[in-house]
Amino acid sequence: MALDIQIIHRLAAGDHIALKRHMVLRMYQREIMSDEIKEALISSSIVEEYQADKPLPSALVLGYTSKERPLHVVVAVEEHGELVWAITAYEPAEDEWEKGFLKRRKK
């Protein structure tokens, strides 16, 4: 089943965000604050879906912080829709993504 972006928005707005250990490490390395993750998820749109991911299907979403910083976040929604898991996050590179960061550049 496809991830519902409205559920991701609702969970993020309600602070129902869980961070994987990998995510916390990447946030530290990339100087991304937890408030920025929340802001990005609240304003996000789905870029790519990964239905075959385990243990839950996941998606790459693009959102912007209050300071207009673009962030790509890989997320998965708990089966009962009570929690959004943030798996990793990064600022998309202009040389890898087309303008707007919604489509990968062809290699």
C-alpha atoms as a PDB file:
ATOM      1  CA  MET A   1       0.000   0.000   0.000  1.00  0.00           C
ATOM      2  CA  ALA A   2       1.244   3.487  -0.869  1.00  0.00           C
ATOM      3  CA  LEU A   3       2.211   5.838   1.917  1.00  0.00           C
ATOM      4  CA  ASP A   4      -0.297   8.601   2.560  1.00  0.00           C
ATOM      5  CA  ILE A   5       1.406  11.990   2.728  1.00  0.00           C
ATOM      6  CA  GLN A   6      -1.465  13.391   4.813  1.00  0.00           C
ATOM      7  CA  ILE A   7      -0.741  10.800   7.517  1.00  0.00           C
ATOM      8  CA  ILE A   8       2.926  11.805   7.503  1.00  0.00           C
ATOM      9  CA  HIS A   9       1.928  15.484   7.857  1.00  0.00           C
ATOM     10  CA  ARG A  10      -0.477  14.707  10.721  1.00  0.00           C
ATOM     11  CA  LEU A  11       1.985  12.530  12.621  1.00  0.00           C
ATOM     12  CA  ALA A  12       4.784  15.078  12.252  1.00  0.00           C
ATOM     13  CA  ALA A  13       2.556  17.951  13.372  1.00  0.00           C
ATOM     14  CA  GLY A  14       1.599  15.926  16.456  1.00  0.00           C
ATOM     15  CA  ASP A  15       5.240  15.129  17.287  1.00  0.00           C
ATOM     16  CA  HIS A  16       4.715  11.431  16.561  1.00  0.00           C
ATOM     17  CA  ILE A  17       8.172  11.098  14.991  1.00  0.00           C
ATOM     18  CA  ALA A  18      10.652   8.376  15.912  1.00  0.00           C
ATOM     19  CA  LEU A  19      14.294   8.640  14.897  1.00  0.00           C
ATOM     20  CA  LYS A  20      16.288   5.551  13.982  1.00  0.00           C
ATOM     21  CA  ARG A  21      19.791   5.391  15.498  1.00  0.00           C
ATOM     22  CA  HIS A  22      21.250   5.863  12.007  1.00  0.00           C
ATOM     23  CA  MET A  23      19.131   8.995  11.628  1.00  0.00           C
ATOM     24  CA  VAL A  24      20.484  10.554  14.822  1.00  0.00           C
ATOM     25  CA  LEU A  25      24.060   9.959  13.643  1.00  0.00           C
ATOM     26  CA  ARG A  26      23.360  11.461  10.210  1.00  0.00           C
ATOM     27  CA  MET A  27      21.626  14.478  11.739  1.00  0.00           C
ATOM     28  CA  TYR A  28      24.706  15.147  13.865  1.00  0.00           C
ATOM     29  CA  GLN A  29      27.071  14.709  10.899  1.00  0.00           C
ATOM     30  CA  ARG A  30      24.954  16.887   8.606  1.00  0.00           C
ATOM     31  CA  GLU A  31      24.023  19.526  11.196  1.00  0.00           C
ATOM     32  CA  ILE A  32      20.295  18.878  10.933  1.00  0.00           C
ATOM     33  CA  MET A  33      18.186  19.727  13.980  1.00  0.00           C
ATOM     34  CA  SER A  34      15.142  17.727  15.087  1.00  0.00           C
ATOM     35  CA  ASP A  35      12.917  20.800  14.653  1.00  0.00           C
ATOM     36  CA  GLU A  36      14.047  20.958  11.019  1.00  0.00           C
ATOM     37  CA  ILE A  37      12.991  17.332  10.495  1.00  0.00           C
ATOM     38  CA  LYS A  38       9.554  18.113  11.897  1.00  0.00           C
ATOM     39  CA  GLU A  39       9.208  21.244   9.732  1.00  0.00           C
ATOM     40  CA  ALA A  40      10.304  19.348   6.627  1.00  0.00           C
ATOM     41  CA  LEU A  41       7.893  16.466   7.265  1.00  0.00           C
ATOM     42  CA  ILE A  42       4.943  18.793   7.854  1.00  0.00           C
ATOM     43  CA  SER A  43       5.537  20.454   4.465  1.00  0.00           C
ATOM     44  CA  SER A  44       6.702  17.345   2.621  1.00  0.00           C
ATOM     45  CA  SER A  45       5.752  15.712  -0.653  1.00  0.00           C
ATOM     46  CA  ILE A  46       6.629  12.197  -1.760  1.00  0.00           C
ATOM     47  CA  VAL A  47       9.553  11.970  -4.189  1.00  0.00           C
ATOM     48  CA  GLU A  48      10.012   8.182  -4.410  1.00  0.00           C
ATOM     49  CA  GLU A  49       8.360   5.166  -2.795  1.00  0.00           C
ATOM     50  CA  TYR A  50      10.115   1.970  -1.786  1.00  0.00           C
ATOM     51  CA  GLN A  51       7.304  -0.554  -1.367  1.00  0.00           C
ATOM     52  CA  ALA A  52       9.675  -3.537  -1.068  1.00  0.00           C
ATOM     53  CA  ASP A  53      11.540  -2.106   1.948  1.00  0.00           C
ATOM     54  CA  LYS A  54      11.429  -4.171   5.135  1.00  0.00           C
ATOM     55  CA  PRO A  55      10.187  -4.198   7.812  1.00  0.00           C
ATOM     56  CA  LEU A  56       7.917  -1.430   6.471  1.00  0.00           C
ATOM     57  CA  PRO A  57       7.499   0.211   3.069  1.00  0.00           C
ATOM     58  CA  SER A  58       9.257   3.566   3.021  1.00  0.00           C
ATOM     59  CA  ALA A  59       9.393   6.730   0.968  1.00  0.00           C
ATOM     60  CA  LEU A  60      11.763   9.554   0.206  1.00  0.00           C
ATOM     61  CA  VAL A  61      10.048  12.860   0.904  1.00  0.00           C
ATOM     62  CA  LEU A  62      11.089  16.438   0.247  1.00  0.00           C
ATOM     63  CA  GLY A  63      10.229  19.168   2.681  1.00  0.00           C
ATOM     64  CA  TYR A  64      11.468  22.606   3.621  1.00  0.00           C
ATOM     65  CA  THR A  65      12.400  24.039   6.987  1.00  0.00           C
ATOM     66  CA  SER A  66      11.130  27.397   8.226  1.00  0.00           C
ATOM     67  CA  LYS A  67      14.373  28.872   6.834  1.00  0.00           C
ATOM     68  CA  GLU A  68      13.663  27.297   3.398  1.00  0.00           C
ATOM     69  CA  ARG A  69      16.370  24.650   3.778  1.00  0.00           C
ATOM     70  CA  PRO A  70      15.425  21.699   1.544  1.00  0.00           C
ATOM     71  CA  LEU A  71      15.634  18.286   3.191  1.00  0.00           C
ATOM     72  CA  HIS A  72      15.159  14.811   1.824  1.00  0.00           C
ATOM     73  CA  VAL A  73      13.962  12.438   4.536  1.00  0.00           C
ATOM     74  CA  VAL A  74      13.406   8.705   4.177  1.00  0.00           C
ATOM     75  CA  VAL A  75      10.378   7.747   6.256  1.00  0.00           C
ATOM     76  CA  ALA A  76       8.201   4.763   7.068  1.00  0.00           C
ATOM     77  CA  VAL A  77       4.818   4.806   8.783  1.00  0.00           C
ATOM     78  CA  GLU A  78       4.051   2.270  11.499  1.00  0.00           C
ATOM     79  CA  GLU A  79       1.416  -0.270  10.430  1.00  0.00           C
ATOM     80  CA  HIS A  80      -1.294   1.237  12.637  1.00  0.00           C
ATOM     81  CA  GLY A  81      -0.454   4.779  11.533  1.00  0.00           C
ATOM     82  CA  GLU A  82       0.552   5.967  14.994  1.00  0.00           C
ATOM     83  CA  LEU A  83       4.196   6.824  14.355  1.00  0.00           C
ATOM     84  CA  VAL A  84       6.348   8.029  11.472  1.00  0.00           C
ATOM     85  CA  TRP A  85       9.879   6.645  11.507  1.00  0.00           C
ATOM     86  CA  ALA A  86      12.596   8.937  10.164  1.00  0.00           C
ATOM     87  CA  ILE A  87      15.306   6.674   8.775  1.00  0.00           C
ATOM     88  CA  THR A  88      17.794   9.138   7.299  1.00  0.00           C
ATOM     89  CA  ALA A  89      17.910  12.752   6.138  1.00  0.00           C
ATOM     90  CA  TYR A  90      20.137  14.924   4.005  1.00  0.00           C
ATOM     91  CA  GLU A  91      20.199  18.177   2.094  1.00  0.00           C
ATOM     92  CA  PRO A  92      19.817  17.222  -1.593  1.00  0.00           C
ATOM     93  CA  ALA A  93      22.778  18.047  -3.829  1.00  0.00           C
ATOM     94  CA  GLU A  94      22.029  20.252  -6.835  1.00  0.00           C
ATOM     95  CA  ASP A  95      24.312  18.159  -9.053  1.00  0.00           C
ATOM     96  CA  GLU A  96      22.308  14.989  -8.281  1.00  0.00           C
ATOM     97  CA  TRP A  97      18.777  16.407  -8.454  1.00  0.00           C
ATOM     98  CA  GLU A  98      16.910  18.505 -10.983  1.00  0.00           C
ATOM     99  CA  LYS A  99      15.678  21.947  -9.952  1.00  0.00           C
ATOM    100  CA  GLY A 100      13.173  21.561  -7.136  1.00  0.00           C
ATOM    101  CA  PHE A 101      14.817  18.335  -5.858  1.00  0.00           C
ATOM    102  CA  LEU A 102      11.893  16.109  -6.903  1.00  0.00           C
ATOM    103  CA  LYS A 103      13.570  14.218  -9.739  1.00  0.00           C
ATOM    104  CA  ARG A 104      17.024  12.651  -9.954  1.00  0.00           C
ATOM    105  CA  ARG A 105      19.324  13.870 -12.706  1.00  0.00           C
ATOM    106  CA  LYS A 106      20.145  11.285 -15.342  1.00  0.00           C
ATOM    107  CA  LYS A 107      23.713  10.023 -15.137  1.00  0.00           C
END
